[in-house]
Protein backbone atom coordinates (compact mmCIF):
# COMPACT_ATOMS: atom_id res chain seq x y z
CA MET A 1 26.58 22.54 7.67
CA ALA A 2 24.39 19.77 8.91
CA SER A 3 21.16 20.35 10.40
CA SER A 4 20.24 19.91 14.03
CA ALA A 5 17.80 17.16 15.09
CA PRO A 6 15.70 17.71 18.31
CA THR A 7 16.31 15.82 21.37
CA SER A 8 12.63 14.98 21.94
CA PHE A 9 10.88 12.84 19.33
CA ASP A 10 7.50 14.67 20.42
CA ALA A 11 7.47 17.04 17.90
CA ALA A 12 7.86 14.27 15.08
CA LEU A 13 5.40 12.22 16.39
CA ASP A 14 2.90 15.06 16.88
CA ALA A 15 3.20 16.03 13.21
CA ARG A 16 2.59 12.47 12.22
CA GLU A 17 -0.51 12.30 14.26
CA ALA A 18 -1.85 15.59 13.09
CA VAL A 19 -1.62 14.49 9.44
CA SER A 20 -2.85 10.88 10.18
CA GLU A 21 -6.08 12.32 11.96
CA ALA A 22 -6.65 15.10 9.30
CA TRP A 23 -6.25 12.32 6.22
CA PHE A 24 -7.69 9.08 7.44
CA PRO A 25 -11.24 9.52 9.00
CA PRO A 26 -12.23 11.81 6.11
CA GLN A 27 -10.79 9.32 3.57
CA ALA A 28 -12.02 6.23 5.10
CA ALA A 29 -15.42 5.80 3.31
CA ARG A 30 -13.62 6.32 0.05
CA LEU A 31 -10.89 3.67 0.94
CA ALA A 32 -13.69 1.39 1.87
CA ARG A 33 -15.31 2.09 -1.67
CA LEU A 34 -11.97 1.67 -3.33
CA CYS A 35 -11.44 -1.50 -1.59
CA HIS A 36 -14.82 -2.85 -2.98
CA ALA A 37 -13.99 -1.79 -6.57
CA MET A 38 -10.69 -3.17 -6.44
CA ALA A 39 -11.97 -6.62 -5.23
CA GLU A 40 -14.49 -6.52 -8.14
CA ARG A 41 -11.60 -6.19 -10.89
CA PHE A 42 -9.55 -9.11 -9.13
CA ALA A 43 -12.63 -11.23 -9.19
CA ARG A 44 -12.77 -10.64 -12.80
CA GLY A 45 -9.33 -11.68 -13.45
CA GLY A 46 -7.77 -8.13 -13.22
CA ARG A 47 -4.06 -7.34 -12.29
CA LEU A 48 -2.74 -4.41 -10.03
CA TYR A 49 -0.05 -2.40 -11.60
CA ALA A 50 1.94 -0.08 -9.11
CA VAL A 51 3.80 2.72 -10.91
CA ALA A 52 6.17 5.22 -9.78
CA VAL A 53 9.31 7.20 -10.93
CA GLY A 54 12.25 7.92 -8.89
CA GLU A 55 14.36 5.65 -6.43
CA THR A 56 12.00 6.33 -3.58
CA GLY A 57 8.90 5.79 -5.51
CA LEU A 58 10.15 2.56 -6.72
CA THR A 59 10.47 1.14 -3.53
CA ASP A 60 6.65 1.89 -2.94
CA THR A 61 5.93 0.13 -6.12
CA ALA A 62 7.84 -3.07 -4.88
CA HIS A 63 6.34 -2.89 -1.44
CA VAL A 64 2.68 -2.72 -3.06
CA GLU A 65 3.73 -5.89 -5.28
CA VAL A 66 5.02 -8.14 -2.44
CA GLU A 67 2.12 -7.43 -0.32
CA PHE A 68 -0.71 -8.29 -2.75
CA VAL A 69 1.16 -11.15 -4.17
CA HIS A 70 2.52 -12.63 -0.88
CA PRO A 71 -0.10 -11.30 1.93
CA VAL A 72 0.88 -12.21 5.56
CA ILE A 73 -2.79 -13.10 5.96
CA VAL A 74 -3.34 -16.63 6.86
CA GLY A 75 -5.33 -18.51 4.08
CA LYS A 76 -5.82 -15.46 1.93
CA ARG A 77 -5.36 -15.66 -1.88
CA ALA A 78 -2.43 -14.17 -3.64
CA LEU A 79 -3.48 -11.28 -5.84
CA PRO A 80 -1.83 -10.23 -8.97
CA ALA A 81 0.29 -7.21 -8.70
CA LEU A 82 3.24 -5.80 -10.55
CA GLY A 83 5.47 -2.73 -9.92
CA VAL A 84 6.40 -1.43 -13.38
CA SER A 85 7.44 1.86 -15.11
CA PRO A 86 5.15 4.23 -16.74
CA GLN A 87 6.28 2.99 -20.00
CA ALA A 88 5.48 -0.73 -19.16
CA VAL A 89 1.94 0.17 -17.59
CA ALA A 90 1.06 1.47 -20.94
CA LEU A 91 2.13 -1.70 -22.83
CA LEU A 92 0.48 -4.12 -20.01
CA ALA A 93 -2.58 -2.66 -18.82
CA GLY A 94 -5.99 -3.84 -19.78
CA ALA A 95 -9.67 -2.88 -19.24
CA ASP A 96 -10.19 -5.00 -16.07
CA ASP A 97 -6.85 -3.68 -14.36
CA ILE A 98 -6.08 -1.57 -11.59
CA VAL A 99 -3.43 1.06 -12.12
CA MET A 100 -1.90 2.85 -8.80
CA SER A 101 0.53 5.75 -9.26
CA LEU A 102 2.69 6.35 -6.32
CA GLY A 103 4.04 10.11 -6.03
CA ASP A 104 3.32 13.39 -7.31
CA ASP A 105 5.54 13.29 -10.56
CA ALA A 106 3.22 15.31 -13.10
CA GLY A 107 4.53 13.05 -16.15
CA LEU A 108 3.41 9.85 -13.96
CA VAL A 109 0.10 11.41 -13.24
CA ALA A 110 -0.76 12.13 -16.76
CA ALA A 111 0.34 8.75 -18.28
CA THR A 112 -1.72 6.96 -15.67
CA VAL A 113 -4.84 9.36 -16.27
CA ALA A 114 -4.97 8.56 -19.61
CA LEU A 115 -5.34 4.51 -18.81
CA ALA A 116 -8.97 5.42 -17.60
CA ASP A 117 -9.94 5.59 -21.20
CA ARG A 118 -8.85 2.06 -21.49
CA GLY A 119 -11.15 0.99 -18.91
CA CYS A 120 -8.69 0.59 -15.99
CA LEU A 121 -9.41 1.64 -12.49
CA VAL A 122 -6.96 4.30 -11.78
CA THR A 123 -5.92 5.50 -8.45
CA HIS A 124 -3.51 8.12 -7.49
CA MET A 125 -1.56 8.04 -4.05
CA GLY A 126 0.08 11.30 -3.56
CA ALA A 127 -1.15 13.44 -6.34
CA ASP A 128 -4.46 14.99 -7.63
CA GLY A 129 -4.89 13.11 -10.93
CA GLY A 130 -8.87 14.21 -10.85
CA GLY A 131 -11.48 11.44 -11.04
CA GLU A 132 -12.80 9.60 -8.22
CA TRP A 133 -9.77 7.71 -6.65
CA SER A 134 -7.12 10.60 -6.08
CA PHE A 135 -5.52 10.52 -2.69
CA THR A 136 -3.21 13.60 -1.76
CA PRO A 137 -2.27 13.46 1.94
CA PRO A 138 -2.18 17.01 3.66
CA THR A 139 1.42 17.49 4.19
CA ASP A 140 4.43 18.93 2.28
CA ASP A 141 6.91 16.78 4.25
CA PRO A 142 7.94 14.17 1.82
CA LEU A 143 9.00 11.44 4.50
CA ILE A 144 5.59 12.05 6.53
CA ARG A 145 3.69 11.69 2.95
CA GLN A 146 5.47 8.53 2.28
CA GLU A 147 4.54 7.09 5.61
CA VAL A 148 0.92 8.09 5.03
CA ILE A 149 0.72 6.52 1.42
CA GLU A 150 2.29 3.16 2.87
CA THR A 151 -0.46 3.00 5.63
CA THR A 152 -2.97 3.76 2.77
CA TYR A 153 -1.87 0.84 0.45
CA HIS A 154 -1.59 -1.42 3.26
CA VAL A 155 -5.01 -0.94 4.42
CA LEU A 156 -6.13 -1.51 0.81
CA TRP A 157 -4.47 -4.91 0.57
CA GLU A 158 -5.69 -5.82 3.92
CA LEU A 159 -9.24 -4.98 3.51
CA VAL A 160 -9.77 -5.92 0.06
CA HIS A 161 -9.91 -9.38 1.10
CA VAL A 162 -13.03 -8.63 3.30
CA PHE A 163 -14.94 -8.59 0.04
CA PHE A 164 -13.73 -12.12 -0.98
CA GLU A 165 -15.16 -12.95 2.35
CA HIS A 166 -18.51 -11.47 1.34
CA ARG A 167 -18.59 -13.01 -1.98
CA GLY A 168 -22.16 -12.25 -2.86
CA LEU A 169 -21.21 -8.35 -2.65
CA LEU A 170 -19.03 -8.77 -5.68
CA GLU A 171 -20.57 -8.29 -9.20
CA GLY A 172 -21.47 -11.63 -10.92
CA ASN A 173 -20.99 -13.67 -7.72
CA THR A 174 -23.77 -15.37 -5.52
CA ALA A 175 -24.01 -15.26 -1.81
CA SER A 176 -22.83 -18.54 0.12
CA HIS A 177 -23.15 -19.23 3.82
CA ALA A 178 -22.23 -16.96 6.30
CA HIS A 179 -19.04 -17.91 7.98
CA ASP A 180 -16.59 -16.65 11.11
CA SER A 181 -13.38 -14.85 10.00
CA GLY A 182 -11.52 -17.33 12.05
CA ALA A 183 -7.79 -16.71 12.15
CA SER A 184 -7.95 -13.57 10.34
CA SER A 185 -10.17 -11.88 13.01
CA PHE A 186 -7.38 -9.51 14.13
CA LEU A 187 -7.49 -7.97 10.70
CA TYR A 188 -11.20 -7.92 10.41
CA PRO A 189 -13.32 -7.03 13.29
CA PHE A 190 -16.33 -8.66 11.53
CA LEU A 191 -17.80 -11.63 13.24
CA ALA A 192 -19.73 -13.16 10.45
CA ASP A 193 -20.44 -12.81 6.56
CA GLN A 194 -23.06 -10.37 5.56
CA GLU A 195 -23.65 -11.42 1.96
CA THR A 196 -26.28 -8.83 0.69
CA ASP A 197 -25.83 -5.59 2.77
CA LEU A 198 -23.11 -3.96 1.00
CA ASP A 199 -23.49 -0.45 2.86
CA ALA A 200 -22.96 -2.39 6.34
CA VAL A 201 -19.79 -3.99 5.14
CA LEU A 202 -18.46 -0.67 3.89
CA ARG A 203 -19.27 0.93 7.24
CA ASP A 204 -17.35 -1.64 8.88
CA VAL A 205 -14.40 -1.55 6.50
CA GLU A 206 -14.51 2.61 6.95
CA HIS A 207 -14.21 2.14 10.79
CA THR A 208 -11.56 -0.39 10.45
CA VAL A 209 -9.36 1.87 8.20
CA VAL A 210 -9.47 4.63 10.92
CA ALA A 211 -8.77 1.94 13.75
CA LYS A 212 -5.77 0.76 11.86
CA ALA A 213 -4.32 4.14 11.36
CA ARG A 214 -4.65 4.88 14.96
CA GLU A 215 -3.16 1.68 15.95
CA THR A 216 -0.14 2.87 13.82
CA GLN A 217 0.17 6.21 15.73
CA ASP A 218 -0.02 4.55 18.95
CA LEU A 219 2.80 1.98 17.82
CA ARG A 220 5.16 4.74 16.58
CA ARG A 221 4.88 6.26 20.24
CA ALA A 222 5.59 2.84 21.74
CA THR A 223 8.67 2.18 19.53
CA LEU A 224 10.24 5.40 20.38
CA ALA A 225 9.39 5.48 24.04
CA GLY A 226 10.67 2.13 24.53
CA HIS A 227 13.81 2.45 22.28
CA GLY A 228 14.66 6.09 21.91
CA ASP A 229 18.05 5.85 23.40
CA GLY A 230 18.87 2.80 21.13
CA LEU A 231 17.79 4.90 18.05
CA ARG A 232 20.05 7.70 19.19
CA ALA A 233 23.02 5.39 19.79
CA ALA A 234 22.31 3.84 16.24
CA ALA A 235 22.63 7.24 14.86
CA ALA A 236 25.79 7.94 16.58
CA ALA A 237 27.50 4.75 15.53
CA MET A 238 26.50 5.24 12.05
CA ARG A 239 27.65 9.01 11.92
CA SER A 240 30.86 8.06 13.46
CA SER A 241 31.24 5.14 10.41
CA LEU A 242 30.33 7.46 7.72
CA ASP A 243 32.67 10.36 8.87
CA ALA A 244 35.49 7.91 8.84
CA GLY A 245 34.76 6.95 5.12
CA GLY A 246 32.46 3.77 5.91
CA HIS A 247 29.27 2.49 4.06
CA ILE A 248 25.90 1.52 5.46
CA LEU A 249 24.58 -1.76 4.42
CA VAL A 250 20.98 -2.74 4.70
CA THR A 251 18.93 -5.77 4.30
CA GLY A 252 15.42 -7.44 4.87
CA ASN A 253 13.06 -9.91 3.54
CA GLY A 254 9.94 -9.28 1.53
CA GLY A 255 8.19 -6.04 2.89
CA SER A 256 11.28 -5.47 4.89
CA ALA A 257 13.41 -5.61 1.84
CA THR A 258 11.20 -2.72 0.36
CA ASP A 259 11.77 -0.74 3.81
CA SER A 260 15.65 -1.47 3.30
CA ALA A 261 15.66 -0.02 -0.30
CA ASP A 262 13.76 3.10 1.25
CA PHE A 263 16.22 3.55 3.81
CA VAL A 264 19.23 3.29 1.11
CA ALA A 265 17.33 5.69 -0.92
CA ASP A 266 17.00 8.14 1.86
CA LEU A 267 20.38 7.90 2.62
CA ARG A 268 21.77 8.26 -0.87
CA SER A 269 19.31 10.82 -2.06
CA PRO A 270 18.05 12.57 0.74
CA PRO A 271 14.84 14.67 0.39
CA PRO A 272 15.32 18.29 -0.53
CA GLY A 273 15.19 21.08 1.96
CA ARG A 274 16.90 19.57 5.04
CA GLY A 275 20.70 20.07 4.28
CA TRP A 276 21.32 16.51 4.78
CA THR A 277 24.37 15.10 3.21
CA PRO A 278 23.90 12.17 0.56
CA ARG A 279 25.58 9.02 2.27
CA PRO A 280 26.96 5.86 0.66
CA ALA A 281 24.67 2.93 1.24
CA ILE A 282 24.39 -0.57 -0.38
CA ASP A 283 21.11 -2.53 -0.26
CA LEU A 284 22.06 -6.36 -0.05
CA ALA A 285 18.35 -7.24 -1.02
CA ALA A 286 18.56 -5.00 -4.31
CA THR A 287 19.73 -7.87 -6.74
CA PRO A 288 17.44 -10.51 -7.71
CA ALA A 289 20.31 -12.23 -9.60
CA VAL A 290 22.72 -12.29 -6.68
CA ILE A 291 19.98 -13.55 -4.28
CA THR A 292 18.62 -16.18 -6.60
CA ALA A 293 22.26 -17.33 -7.40
CA ILE A 294 23.18 -18.04 -3.81
CA SER A 295 19.90 -19.42 -2.85
CA ASN A 296 20.10 -21.85 -5.79
CA ASP A 297 23.70 -22.95 -5.38
CA VAL A 298 24.17 -22.56 -1.68
CA GLY A 299 20.99 -21.92 0.11
CA VAL A 300 18.66 -19.21 1.34
CA GLU A 301 20.26 -18.76 4.89
CA PRO A 302 23.54 -17.32 3.31
CA VAL A 303 21.99 -15.03 0.73
CA PHE A 304 22.72 -11.77 3.06
CA SER A 305 25.95 -13.17 4.90
CA ARG A 306 27.84 -13.66 1.79
CA GLN A 307 27.17 -10.35 0.57
CA VAL A 308 28.39 -9.08 4.07
CA ILE A 309 31.65 -11.06 3.37
CA ALA A 310 31.81 -9.35 -0.32
CA HIS A 311 30.94 -5.68 0.49
CA GLY A 312 31.64 -5.23 4.15
CA ARG A 313 34.91 -3.20 5.13
CA PRO A 314 36.22 -2.28 8.37
CA GLY A 315 34.16 0.63 9.72
CA ASP A 316 31.10 -0.26 7.86
CA VAL A 317 27.69 -0.76 9.51
CA LEU A 318 25.09 -3.36 8.97
CA VAL A 319 21.40 -2.57 9.28
CA VAL A 320 18.89 -5.13 9.19
CA ILE A 321 15.09 -5.08 9.30
CA SER A 322 12.81 -7.90 10.47
CA THR A 323 9.28 -8.04 11.73
CA SER A 324 10.01 -11.43 13.36
CA GLY A 325 13.38 -11.07 14.50
CA GLY A 326 13.90 -14.55 13.78
CA SER A 327 14.67 -14.79 10.05
CA ARG A 328 17.71 -17.21 9.52
CA ASN A 329 19.17 -15.18 6.66
CA VAL A 330 19.16 -12.07 8.78
CA LEU A 331 20.47 -13.91 11.65
CA HIS A 332 23.42 -15.34 9.64
CA ALA A 333 24.17 -11.67 8.33
CA LEU A 334 24.32 -10.32 11.88
CA ASP A 335 26.71 -13.09 13.06
CA ARG A 336 28.85 -12.54 9.80
CA ALA A 337 29.13 -8.86 10.53
CA ARG A 338 29.87 -9.38 14.25
CA ARG A 339 32.85 -12.02 13.33
CA ASP A 340 34.16 -9.27 10.86
CA GLY A 341 33.86 -6.52 13.20
CA LEU A 342 31.03 -4.36 11.73
CA PRO A 343 28.79 -2.58 14.08
CA THR A 344 25.13 -3.67 13.64
CA VAL A 345 21.56 -2.22 13.87
CA ALA A 346 18.44 -4.25 13.99
CA PHE A 347 14.75 -2.90 13.38
CA LEU A 348 12.51 -5.43 14.72
CA GLY A 349 9.06 -6.57 15.58
CA TYR A 350 7.11 -8.68 18.26
CA ASP A 351 9.46 -8.91 21.03
CA GLY A 352 12.77 -8.75 19.16
CA GLY A 353 12.79 -12.40 18.58
CA LYS A 354 16.29 -14.48 18.52
CA VAL A 355 18.13 -11.20 17.76
CA VAL A 356 17.22 -9.79 21.31
CA ALA A 357 17.24 -13.14 23.18
CA GLU A 358 20.74 -13.92 21.83
CA GLY A 359 21.98 -10.34 21.82
CA LEU A 360 22.96 -10.54 18.05
CA ALA A 361 22.71 -6.83 17.36
CA ASP A 362 24.55 -3.96 19.02
CA HIS A 363 21.85 -1.63 18.52
CA VAL A 364 18.12 -2.69 18.48
CA ILE A 365 14.72 -0.79 18.01
CA VAL A 366 11.83 -3.25 18.69
CA THR A 367 8.43 -2.26 17.86
CA PRO A 368 6.17 -4.24 20.13
CA SER A 369 3.48 -5.59 17.87
CA GLN A 370 2.56 -8.88 16.19
CA ASN A 371 0.66 -6.95 13.49
CA ILE A 372 3.26 -7.08 10.37
CA PRO A 373 1.76 -4.02 8.25
CA ARG A 374 1.61 -1.79 11.60
CA ILE A 375 5.22 -2.87 12.45
CA GLN A 376 6.51 -1.99 9.00
CA GLU A 377 4.65 1.36 9.36
CA ALA A 378 6.05 2.23 12.77
CA GLN A 379 9.77 1.11 11.62
CA ALA A 380 9.18 3.32 8.60
CA THR A 381 8.70 6.49 11.00
CA ALA A 382 11.83 5.31 13.37
CA MET A 383 13.94 4.98 10.11
CA HIS A 384 13.07 8.34 8.82
CA ILE A 385 13.81 9.69 12.37
CA LEU A 386 17.12 7.80 12.29
CA ARG A 387 18.05 9.20 9.13
CA GLY A 388 17.76 12.91 10.54
CA LEU A 389 19.75 11.92 13.61
CA ILE A 390 22.59 10.79 11.48
CA GLU A 391 22.97 14.42 10.32
CA ALA A 392 22.66 15.92 13.89
CA PRO A 393 25.98 17.27 15.18
CA PRO A 394 27.69 15.41 18.20
CA SER A 395 26.55 16.75 21.61
CA PRO A 396 29.12 18.78 23.22
């Protein structure tokens, strides 16, 4: 029998807030030092390898890769990062590289620990691998643990750039003129470069880690306070579709593509212990060959809509994830789904963009922020809660 879900989101939010407060303030100083250590590796030409096993873990490695390579920070450098298997990292990783294991698989931890002997900086997100850089969130709930890990690697990619702004703090570099952080000031609350005082910059980064985690907590509450009814309505529509034999189609771009993959993984392979039924779901952003073929031969805008044509069946539901609410390929997919009679659900940031302004989705959940990593973190919570609501029995 499907497990019931609470009618209020307060308990879910309180649980996340308790874990976040137990985690980020005590770990903030270590995360600041890790940012500095990673920056030194990148400055020496090192590469970051994100490693995981299992469907859900692989969505995190993809998320790490896209955020470091394509940072949503104006004017910041692309940093070399790859999501790889444990077998591949053993072949690829060298002395100046960073290896980030994601998850608590014992075999993964053992394989990555050994790379420290090669000179790699090895950090474990989700397990205790020993050494200086193991981070184990204080919760047994796999969904909350994944959310904490996502925020953790988000703040790492955001704040590693601080040390490129403070070049004199990197080994082998010399101090340069102090300068304002300009357009990036919303990410870095430091007004000017401090080229020689590492401790002062580390303290600033430490405080920023805590501030970012608390911003995410506030944004989760704002999302569910403003769109709780929309989330329940979306769950009811999806449950009706699934009970009638339908499928859930999910998609997004960039970091949102990795979030779509995570939602699909949670639908198809739900976390143990909850009694949730595995559900049929298709990730429209999962196959680079299909996406690049359509992009090359037809254009970028129809990369998802053509897949809606191919995969969509009467009774299916399309779920899109967009921090801007204005991605044209997402808009095309929503339009195609509506023309084909598929119900649609949209997870959006900012003010909902064109999706809200033009009423392009049947059910919308808006995270009211312009800070993309914080939007994604709040959306992850909302999607995890939606996953539980799908399993809730209908109200009498």
